[in-house]
Amino acid sequence: MLIRLAADQEHKLLQWAGSFTEAEVDSDVEPSGYELRISIVPGQGCFAEAIKGASVLELGEVELVLQISRLLERPAQPKNRQEL
C-alpha cells in the first residue's frame, strides 16, 4: 500500500512538524514525533490528518495505491537448508 501526499500537503506537514520539533531540540529534548492518520471512506476517498497531542493538522484528500499483485505472489521457498 502506498499513500501519496501532494507536494503542498507535504510542505504543510513538514512546516507544522518542524515548529514543534525545533522547539523540542532547542530544549534539549528528543523529538517526540507525530501520528499520521489515514481515513479511507468508500465512495468518498482517502483523507489524511497529522496529530500531535491536541493539535490536529487536516491535510485533506490523499492518493492511495494498492499493490494487489504483491498479495497474489507467494514468496519463493528455500530449496535446501543452505539457502536459509
Protein backbone atom coordinates (compact mmCIF):
# COMPACT_ATOMS: atom_id res chain seq x y z
CA MET A 1 0.00 0.00 0.00
CA LEU A 2 1.32 3.42 -0.94
CA ILE A 3 -0.10 6.63 0.45
CA ARG A 4 0.99 9.68 -1.52
CA LEU A 5 0.73 13.29 -0.34
CA ALA A 6 0.70 16.13 -2.85
CA ALA A 7 3.72 18.46 -2.75
CA ASP A 8 1.75 21.21 -1.00
CA GLN A 9 0.46 18.75 1.62
CA GLU A 10 3.98 17.52 2.28
CA HIS A 11 5.25 21.09 2.62
CA LYS A 12 2.42 21.96 5.03
CA LEU A 13 3.13 18.83 7.10
CA LEU A 14 6.86 19.48 7.31
CA GLN A 15 6.32 23.11 8.37
CA TRP A 16 3.82 22.04 11.03
CA ALA A 17 6.04 19.25 12.37
CA GLY A 18 9.15 21.40 12.13
CA SER A 19 7.76 24.00 14.51
CA PHE A 20 7.39 21.65 17.48
CA THR A 21 10.42 19.53 16.55
CA GLU A 22 12.64 22.61 16.57
CA ALA A 23 11.27 23.64 19.97
CA GLU A 24 11.96 20.17 21.39
CA VAL A 25 15.51 20.09 20.02
CA ASP A 26 16.18 23.63 21.32
CA SER A 27 15.02 22.44 24.75
CA ASP A 28 17.46 19.51 24.56
CA VAL A 29 14.58 17.05 24.34
CA GLU A 30 14.42 14.14 21.92
CA PRO A 31 11.81 14.94 19.22
CA SER A 32 8.58 13.14 20.03
CA GLY A 33 7.14 12.82 16.52
CA TYR A 34 3.50 12.81 15.50
CA GLU A 35 0.81 10.47 14.21
CA LEU A 36 -0.25 10.48 10.57
CA ARG A 37 -3.81 9.15 10.33
CA ILE A 38 -5.28 7.98 7.04
CA SER A 39 -9.06 7.58 6.82
CA ILE A 40 -10.47 5.51 3.97
CA VAL A 41 -14.09 6.37 3.20
CA PRO A 42 -15.62 4.20 0.46
CA GLY A 43 -17.19 6.31 -2.24
CA GLN A 44 -15.57 9.49 -0.94
CA GLY A 45 -11.81 8.89 -0.98
CA CYS A 46 -8.85 8.79 1.38
CA PHE A 47 -8.05 11.61 3.77
CA ALA A 48 -5.02 12.38 5.93
CA GLU A 49 -4.51 14.28 9.14
CA ALA A 50 -1.45 14.71 11.34
CA ILE A 51 -1.91 14.58 15.10
CA LYS A 52 0.34 15.60 17.97
CA GLY A 53 -1.43 15.74 21.30
CA ALA A 54 -4.40 18.09 20.94
CA SER A 55 -3.01 19.65 17.75
CA VAL A 56 -4.53 18.34 14.50
CA LEU A 57 -3.44 19.32 11.01
CA GLU A 58 -6.01 18.45 8.33
CA LEU A 59 -4.18 17.56 5.12
CA GLY A 60 -7.21 16.65 3.03
CA GLU A 61 -7.58 14.04 0.33
CA VAL A 62 -4.57 11.85 -0.44
CA GLU A 63 -3.81 9.25 -3.09
CA LEU A 64 -3.95 5.60 -2.05
CA VAL A 65 -2.37 2.95 -4.27
CA LEU A 66 -2.96 -0.70 -3.50
CA GLN A 67 -0.46 -3.15 -4.90
CA ILE A 68 -2.76 -6.16 -5.14
CA SER A 69 -0.30 -8.10 -7.27
CA ARG A 70 2.03 -8.40 -4.26
CA LEU A 71 -0.74 -10.13 -2.31
CA LEU A 72 -1.11 -12.75 -5.02
CA GLU A 73 2.60 -13.57 -5.20
CA ARG A 74 3.97 -16.30 -2.98
CA PRO A 75 7.50 -15.97 -1.63
CA ALA A 76 9.96 -18.48 -3.05
CA GLN A 77 10.57 -21.37 -0.67
CA PRO A 78 14.20 -22.25 0.08
CA LYS A 79 15.30 -25.43 -1.71
CA ASN A 80 17.72 -26.54 0.96
CA ARG A 81 18.95 -25.52 4.37
CA GLN A 82 21.94 -23.59 2.99
CA GLU A 83 19.64 -21.02 1.37
CA LEU A 84 18.20 -20.03 4.76
